[in-house]
């Protein structure tokens, strides 16, 4: 596929059925989406390919580790990669198990090309958004770690909606001292406004 790079989104097709693998490889290649396939979940796990910005498409029934178990193992490894499971009509209960195990979606056979492409694109978009959110949270946590104990106390007070005078009273310091700590904290957090600061701390706490 032309003009692809290691930073582009990628789909890992994990299926013991060679015809399904080749069909999905062709479909994704035509759609200009990077793809790599594996004949089993065990081979995929052993290979341990990079999961950043990726999506996994796997059959719910396979020899060895099946699609449900693969979804569970990826979740146990704290991998945020979305997993789409392919299922036959009789395997819908298994697909539901996979969803409970952390799979993002399931597609029933025989599937329409556009239906599975839409599911893959949605999963890749969500994967990218999740990665961006995690990167942002890590940056915020790194900045919070730069704050002194007193600066963090002032920040916590601001996030709770307290005025400088109330924060000063709580910590037995002067309002002017609170202003100094607030200014230092804003600089370290790279926050231009109080709303920026509140949003950053909220992002850190949501993790």
C-alpha atoms as a PDB file:
ATOM      1  CA  UNK A   1       0.000   0.000   0.000  1.00  0.00           C
ATOM      2  CA  UNK A   2       1.395   3.387  -0.961  1.00  0.00           C
ATOM      3  CA  UNK A   3       2.271   6.206   1.402  1.00  0.00           C
ATOM      4  CA  UNK A   4       1.836   4.201   4.608  1.00  0.00           C
ATOM      5  CA  UNK A   5       4.062   4.613   7.627  1.00  0.00           C
ATOM      6  CA  UNK A   6       4.569   2.941  10.997  1.00  0.00           C
ATOM      7  CA  UNK A   7       2.592   5.742  12.639  1.00  0.00           C
ATOM      8  CA  UNK A   8      -0.544   5.081  10.572  1.00  0.00           C
ATOM      9  CA  UNK A   9      -3.479   3.175  12.131  1.00  0.00           C
ATOM     10  CA  UNK A  10      -3.253  -0.575  11.630  1.00  0.00           C
ATOM     11  CA  UNK A  11      -5.710  -3.469  11.731  1.00  0.00           C
ATOM     12  CA  UNK A  12      -4.581  -6.882  12.952  1.00  0.00           C
ATOM     13  CA  UNK A  13      -6.680  -9.673  11.443  1.00  0.00           C
ATOM     14  CA  UNK A  14      -6.532 -12.758  13.669  1.00  0.00           C
ATOM     15  CA  UNK A  15      -8.348 -15.714  12.076  1.00  0.00           C
ATOM     16  CA  UNK A  16      -7.522 -19.361  11.393  1.00  0.00           C
ATOM     17  CA  UNK A  17      -9.532 -19.220   8.139  1.00  0.00           C
ATOM     18  CA  UNK A  18      -7.066 -18.309   5.386  1.00  0.00           C
ATOM     19  CA  UNK A  19      -9.796 -17.188   2.954  1.00  0.00           C
ATOM     20  CA  UNK A  20     -11.210 -14.763   5.548  1.00  0.00           C
ATOM     21  CA  UNK A  21      -7.740 -13.363   6.261  1.00  0.00           C
ATOM     22  CA  UNK A  22      -7.021 -12.805   2.586  1.00  0.00           C
ATOM     23  CA  UNK A  23     -10.463 -11.289   1.980  1.00  0.00           C
ATOM     24  CA  UNK A  24     -10.064  -8.799   4.834  1.00  0.00           C
ATOM     25  CA  UNK A  25      -6.473  -8.001   3.814  1.00  0.00           C
ATOM     26  CA  UNK A  26      -7.667  -7.149   0.297  1.00  0.00           C
ATOM     27  CA  UNK A  27     -10.629  -5.106   1.560  1.00  0.00           C
ATOM     28  CA  UNK A  28      -8.481  -3.072   3.955  1.00  0.00           C
ATOM     29  CA  UNK A  29      -5.696  -2.597   1.419  1.00  0.00           C
ATOM     30  CA  UNK A  30      -8.170  -1.172  -1.099  1.00  0.00           C
ATOM     31  CA  UNK A  31      -9.510   1.096   1.679  1.00  0.00           C
ATOM     32  CA  UNK A  32      -5.893   2.261   2.272  1.00  0.00           C
ATOM     33  CA  UNK A  33      -5.820   0.942   5.841  1.00  0.00           C
ATOM     34  CA  UNK A  34      -2.658  -0.832   6.990  1.00  0.00           C
ATOM     35  CA  UNK A  35      -3.266  -4.492   7.787  1.00  0.00           C
ATOM     36  CA  UNK A  36      -1.304  -7.440   9.168  1.00  0.00           C
ATOM     37  CA  UNK A  37      -2.761 -10.901   9.655  1.00  0.00           C
ATOM     38  CA  UNK A  38      -2.167 -13.827  12.005  1.00  0.00           C
ATOM     39  CA  UNK A  39      -3.380 -17.418  11.670  1.00  0.00           C
ATOM     40  CA  UNK A  40      -4.071 -17.730  15.418  1.00  0.00           C
ATOM     41  CA  UNK A  41      -4.498 -15.677  18.561  1.00  0.00           C
ATOM     42  CA  UNK A  42      -1.520 -17.492  20.068  1.00  0.00           C
ATOM     43  CA  UNK A  43       0.691 -16.375  17.158  1.00  0.00           C
ATOM     44  CA  UNK A  44      -0.592 -12.815  17.566  1.00  0.00           C
ATOM     45  CA  UNK A  45       0.094 -12.761  21.306  1.00  0.00           C
ATOM     46  CA  UNK A  46       3.538 -14.308  20.826  1.00  0.00           C
ATOM     47  CA  UNK A  47       4.411 -11.710  18.195  1.00  0.00           C
ATOM     48  CA  UNK A  48       3.270  -8.902  20.558  1.00  0.00           C
ATOM     49  CA  UNK A  49       2.918  -6.275  17.803  1.00  0.00           C
ATOM     50  CA  UNK A  50       2.585  -2.593  18.782  1.00  0.00           C
ATOM     51  CA  UNK A  51      -1.007  -1.810  19.748  1.00  0.00           C
ATOM     52  CA  UNK A  52      -0.863   1.968  19.651  1.00  0.00           C
ATOM     53  CA  UNK A  53      -3.486   3.235  17.184  1.00  0.00           C
ATOM     54  CA  UNK A  54      -4.477  -0.321  16.295  1.00  0.00           C
ATOM     55  CA  UNK A  55      -7.633  -2.426  16.025  1.00  0.00           C
ATOM     56  CA  UNK A  56      -7.939  -6.211  16.241  1.00  0.00           C
ATOM     57  CA  UNK A  57     -10.432  -8.161  14.105  1.00  0.00           C
ATOM     58  CA  UNK A  58     -10.728 -11.781  15.202  1.00  0.00           C
ATOM     59  CA  UNK A  59     -12.967 -14.820  14.854  1.00  0.00           C
ATOM     60  CA  UNK A  60     -14.826 -15.793  17.987  1.00  0.00           C
ATOM     61  CA  UNK A  61     -14.067 -19.492  17.368  1.00  0.00           C
ATOM     62  CA  UNK A  62     -10.459 -20.556  16.725  1.00  0.00           C
ATOM     63  CA  UNK A  63      -8.201 -23.446  17.739  1.00  0.00           C
ATOM     64  CA  UNK A  64      -6.151 -22.612  20.824  1.00  0.00           C
ATOM     65  CA  UNK A  65      -6.946 -19.186  22.225  1.00  0.00           C
ATOM     66  CA  UNK A  66     -10.347 -18.112  20.881  1.00  0.00           C
ATOM     67  CA  UNK A  67     -11.670 -14.595  20.274  1.00  0.00           C
ATOM     68  CA  UNK A  68     -13.275 -14.305  23.718  1.00  0.00           C
ATOM     69  CA  UNK A  69     -10.047 -15.340  25.449  1.00  0.00           C
ATOM     70  CA  UNK A  70      -8.028 -12.970  23.241  1.00  0.00           C
ATOM     71  CA  UNK A  71     -10.248 -10.028  24.239  1.00  0.00           C
ATOM     72  CA  UNK A  72      -9.828 -10.996  27.906  1.00  0.00           C
ATOM     73  CA  UNK A  73      -6.042 -11.309  27.641  1.00  0.00           C
ATOM     74  CA  UNK A  74      -5.687  -7.929  25.941  1.00  0.00           C
ATOM     75  CA  UNK A  75      -7.860  -6.332  28.608  1.00  0.00           C
ATOM     76  CA  UNK A  76      -5.806  -8.017  31.375  1.00  0.00           C
ATOM     77  CA  UNK A  77      -2.678  -6.542  29.808  1.00  0.00           C
ATOM     78  CA  UNK A  78      -4.364  -3.131  30.082  1.00  0.00           C
ATOM     79  CA  UNK A  79      -4.287  -2.787  26.310  1.00  0.00           C
ATOM     80  CA  UNK A  80      -6.792  -0.170  25.161  1.00  0.00           C
ATOM     81  CA  UNK A  81      -6.850  -1.662  21.648  1.00  0.00           C
ATOM     82  CA  UNK A  82     -10.441  -2.197  20.385  1.00  0.00           C
ATOM     83  CA  UNK A  83     -11.332  -5.780  19.436  1.00  0.00           C
ATOM     84  CA  UNK A  84     -14.000  -6.622  16.837  1.00  0.00           C
ATOM     85  CA  UNK A  85     -15.102 -10.243  16.842  1.00  0.00           C
ATOM     86  CA  UNK A  86     -16.490 -12.045  13.809  1.00  0.00           C
ATOM     87  CA  UNK A  87     -19.187 -14.562  14.641  1.00  0.00           C
ATOM     88  CA  UNK A  88     -21.427 -17.114  12.964  1.00  0.00           C
ATOM     89  CA  UNK A  89     -25.133 -17.019  13.816  1.00  0.00           C
ATOM     90  CA  UNK A  90     -24.768 -19.922  16.269  1.00  0.00           C
ATOM     91  CA  UNK A  91     -21.920 -18.143  18.018  1.00  0.00           C
ATOM     92  CA  UNK A  92     -23.780 -14.951  18.961  1.00  0.00           C
ATOM     93  CA  UNK A  93     -23.853 -15.928  22.684  1.00  0.00           C
ATOM     94  CA  UNK A  94     -20.051 -16.326  22.506  1.00  0.00           C
ATOM     95  CA  UNK A  95     -19.773 -12.937  20.834  1.00  0.00           C
ATOM     96  CA  UNK A  96     -21.788 -11.420  23.686  1.00  0.00           C
ATOM     97  CA  UNK A  97     -19.311 -13.032  26.102  1.00  0.00           C
ATOM     98  CA  UNK A  98     -16.531 -11.372  24.120  1.00  0.00           C
ATOM     99  CA  UNK A  99     -18.265  -7.988  24.456  1.00  0.00           C
ATOM    100  CA  UNK A 100     -18.438  -8.520  28.220  1.00  0.00           C
ATOM    101  CA  UNK A 101     -14.742  -9.455  28.141  1.00  0.00           C
ATOM    102  CA  UNK A 102     -13.919  -6.107  26.582  1.00  0.00           C
ATOM    103  CA  UNK A 103     -14.537  -6.478  22.824  1.00  0.00           C
ATOM    104  CA  UNK A 104     -15.737  -3.283  21.157  1.00  0.00           C
ATOM    105  CA  UNK A 105     -18.137  -4.832  18.638  1.00  0.00           C
ATOM    106  CA  UNK A 106     -19.125  -8.017  16.857  1.00  0.00           C
ATOM    107  CA  UNK A 107     -19.975  -8.625  13.222  1.00  0.00           C
ATOM    108  CA  UNK A 108     -22.110 -11.586  12.178  1.00  0.00           C
ATOM    109  CA  UNK A 109     -21.208 -13.752   9.170  1.00  0.00           C
ATOM    110  CA  UNK A 110     -21.709 -13.376   6.293  1.00  0.00           C
ATOM    111  CA  UNK A 111     -20.778  -9.736   6.751  1.00  0.00           C
ATOM    112  CA  UNK A 112     -21.143  -6.864   4.319  1.00  0.00           C
ATOM    113  CA  UNK A 113     -17.866  -5.184   3.322  1.00  0.00           C
ATOM    114  CA  UNK A 114     -19.161  -1.719   4.174  1.00  0.00           C
ATOM    115  CA  UNK A 115     -20.478  -2.897   7.552  1.00  0.00           C
ATOM    116  CA  UNK A 116     -17.138  -4.271   8.701  1.00  0.00           C
ATOM    117  CA  UNK A 117     -15.239  -1.292   7.248  1.00  0.00           C
ATOM    118  CA  UNK A 118     -17.521   1.085   9.162  1.00  0.00           C
ATOM    119  CA  UNK A 119     -16.965  -0.891  12.393  1.00  0.00           C
ATOM    120  CA  UNK A 120     -13.180  -0.884  11.849  1.00  0.00           C
ATOM    121  CA  UNK A 121     -13.033   2.846  11.083  1.00  0.00           C
ATOM    122  CA  UNK A 122     -15.125   3.605  14.189  1.00  0.00           C
ATOM    123  CA  UNK A 123     -12.835   1.415  16.332  1.00  0.00           C
ATOM    124  CA  UNK A 124      -9.676   3.041  14.915  1.00  0.00           C
ATOM    125  CA  UNK A 125     -11.058   6.533  15.559  1.00  0.00           C
ATOM    126  CA  UNK A 126     -11.919   5.590  19.147  1.00  0.00           C
ATOM    127  CA  UNK A 127      -8.487   4.003  19.591  1.00  0.00           C
ATOM    128  CA  UNK A 128      -6.793   7.210  18.422  1.00  0.00           C
ATOM    129  CA  UNK A 129      -9.006   9.333  20.673  1.00  0.00           C
ATOM    130  CA  UNK A 130      -8.299   7.074  23.669  1.00  0.00           C
ATOM    131  CA  UNK A 131      -4.570   7.280  23.009  1.00  0.00           C
ATOM    132  CA  UNK A 132      -4.741  11.088  22.759  1.00  0.00           C
ATOM    133  CA  UNK A 133      -6.649  11.236  26.047  1.00  0.00           C
ATOM    134  CA  UNK A 134      -4.096   8.984  27.771  1.00  0.00           C
ATOM    135  CA  UNK A 135      -1.207  11.072  26.417  1.00  0.00           C
ATOM    136  CA  UNK A 136      -2.882  14.248  27.641  1.00  0.00           C
ATOM    137  CA  UNK A 137      -3.490  12.713  31.070  1.00  0.00           C
ATOM    138  CA  UNK A 138       0.159  11.633  31.349  1.00  0.00           C
ATOM    139  CA  UNK A 139       1.278  15.180  30.504  1.00  0.00           C
ATOM    140  CA  UNK A 140      -1.057  16.613  33.156  1.00  0.00           C
ATOM    141  CA  UNK A 141       0.180  14.129  35.780  1.00  0.00           C
ATOM    142  CA  UNK A 142       3.786  15.027  34.939  1.00  0.00           C
ATOM    143  CA  UNK A 143       2.988  18.719  35.460  1.00  0.00           C
ATOM    144  CA  UNK A 144       1.136  18.036  38.713  1.00  0.00           C
ATOM    145  CA  UNK A 145       4.206  16.204  39.986  1.00  0.00           C
ATOM    146  CA  UNK A 146       6.167  19.461  39.651  1.00  0.00           C
ATOM    147  CA  UNK A 147       3.945  21.236  42.191  1.00  0.00           C
ATOM    148  CA  UNK A 148       5.051  21.670  45.775  1.00  0.00           C
ATOM    149  CA  UNK A 149       2.750  20.422  48.535  1.00  0.00           C
ATOM    150  CA  UNK A 150       1.471  23.946  49.201  1.00  0.00           C
ATOM    151  CA  UNK A 151       0.947  24.671  45.508  1.00  0.00           C
ATOM    152  CA  UNK A 152      -1.047  21.460  45.183  1.00  0.00           C
ATOM    153  CA  UNK A 153      -3.187  22.424  48.184  1.00  0.00           C
ATOM    154  CA  UNK A 154      -3.922  25.803  46.586  1.00  0.00           C
ATOM    155  CA  UNK A 155      -4.758  24.116  43.261  1.00  0.00           C
ATOM    156  CA  UNK A 156      -7.117  21.663  45.000  1.00  0.00           C
ATOM    157  CA  UNK A 157      -8.844  24.609  46.664  1.00  0.00           C
ATOM    158  CA  UNK A 158      -9.248  26.416  43.352  1.00  0.00           C
ATOM    159  CA  UNK A 159     -10.655  23.303  41.684  1.00  0.00           C
ATOM    160  CA  UNK A 160     -13.211  23.045  44.505  1.00  0.00           C
ATOM    161  CA  UNK A 161     -14.310  26.575  43.613  1.00  0.00           C
ATOM    162  CA  UNK A 162     -12.896  28.284  46.710  1.00  0.00           C
ATOM    163  CA  UNK A 163     -11.858  31.944  46.670  1.00  0.00           C
ATOM    164  CA  UNK A 164      -8.291  32.930  47.529  1.00  0.00           C
ATOM    165  CA  UNK A 165      -9.403  34.208  50.952  1.00  0.00           C
ATOM    166  CA  UNK A 166     -11.044  30.879  51.829  1.00  0.00           C
ATOM    167  CA  UNK A 167      -7.953  28.929  50.718  1.00  0.00           C
ATOM    168  CA  UNK A 168      -5.809  31.295  52.816  1.00  0.00           C
ATOM    169  CA  UNK A 169      -8.049  30.709  55.839  1.00  0.00           C
ATOM    170  CA  UNK A 170      -7.978  26.898  55.354  1.00  0.00           C
ATOM    171  CA  UNK A 171      -4.174  26.793  55.361  1.00  0.00           C
ATOM    172  CA  UNK A 172      -3.474  29.674  57.740  1.00  0.00           C
ATOM    173  CA  UNK A 173      -1.608  31.755  55.164  1.00  0.00           C
ATOM    174  CA  UNK A 174      -2.247  35.208  53.717  1.00  0.00           C
ATOM    175  CA  UNK A 175      -4.345  35.776  50.564  1.00  0.00           C
ATOM    176  CA  UNK A 176      -1.249  37.356  48.997  1.00  0.00           C
ATOM    177  CA  UNK A 177       0.708  34.143  49.606  1.00  0.00           C
ATOM    178  CA  UNK A 178      -2.130  32.180  47.998  1.00  0.00           C
ATOM    179  CA  UNK A 179      -1.823  34.430  44.929  1.00  0.00           C
ATOM    180  CA  UNK A 180       1.906  33.650  44.704  1.00  0.00           C
ATOM    181  CA  UNK A 181       1.321  29.877  44.975  1.00  0.00           C
ATOM    182  CA  UNK A 182      -1.516  30.152  42.447  1.00  0.00           C
ATOM    183  CA  UNK A 183       0.693  32.008  39.948  1.00  0.00           C
ATOM    184  CA  UNK A 184       3.502  29.463  40.376  1.00  0.00           C
ATOM    185  CA  UNK A 185       1.085  26.549  39.942  1.00  0.00           C
ATOM    186  CA  UNK A 186      -0.470  28.073  36.814  1.00  0.00           C
ATOM    187  CA  UNK A 187       3.005  28.489  35.315  1.00  0.00           C
ATOM    188  CA  UNK A 188       4.075  24.911  36.135  1.00  0.00           C
ATOM    189  CA  UNK A 189       0.778  23.501  34.833  1.00  0.00           C
ATOM    190  CA  UNK A 190       1.026  25.659  31.683  1.00  0.00           C
ATOM    191  CA  UNK A 191      -2.527  26.854  32.346  1.00  0.00           C
ATOM    192  CA  UNK A 192      -3.474  30.222  30.848  1.00  0.00           C
ATOM    193  CA  UNK A 193      -6.743  30.516  32.762  1.00  0.00           C
ATOM    194  CA  UNK A 194      -8.404  29.066  35.855  1.00  0.00           C
ATOM    195  CA  UNK A 195     -10.712  27.037  33.601  1.00  0.00           C
ATOM    196  CA  UNK A 196      -7.624  25.488  31.953  1.00  0.00           C
ATOM    197  CA  UNK A 197      -6.335  24.499  35.383  1.00  0.00           C
ATOM    198  CA  UNK A 198      -9.683  22.992  36.448  1.00  0.00           C
ATOM    199  CA  UNK A 199      -9.932  21.005  33.193  1.00  0.00           C
ATOM    200  CA  UNK A 200      -6.399  19.602  33.636  1.00  0.00           C
ATOM    201  CA  UNK A 201      -6.964  18.498  37.234  1.00  0.00           C
ATOM    202  CA  UNK A 202     -10.314  16.950  36.231  1.00  0.00           C
ATOM    203  CA  UNK A 203      -8.566  14.966  33.454  1.00  0.00           C
ATOM    204  CA  UNK A 204      -5.997  13.701  35.971  1.00  0.00           C
ATOM    205  CA  UNK A 205      -8.677  12.646  38.454  1.00  0.00           C
ATOM    206  CA  UNK A 206     -10.822  10.869  35.850  1.00  0.00           C
ATOM    207  CA  UNK A 207      -8.009   8.428  35.129  1.00  0.00           C
END
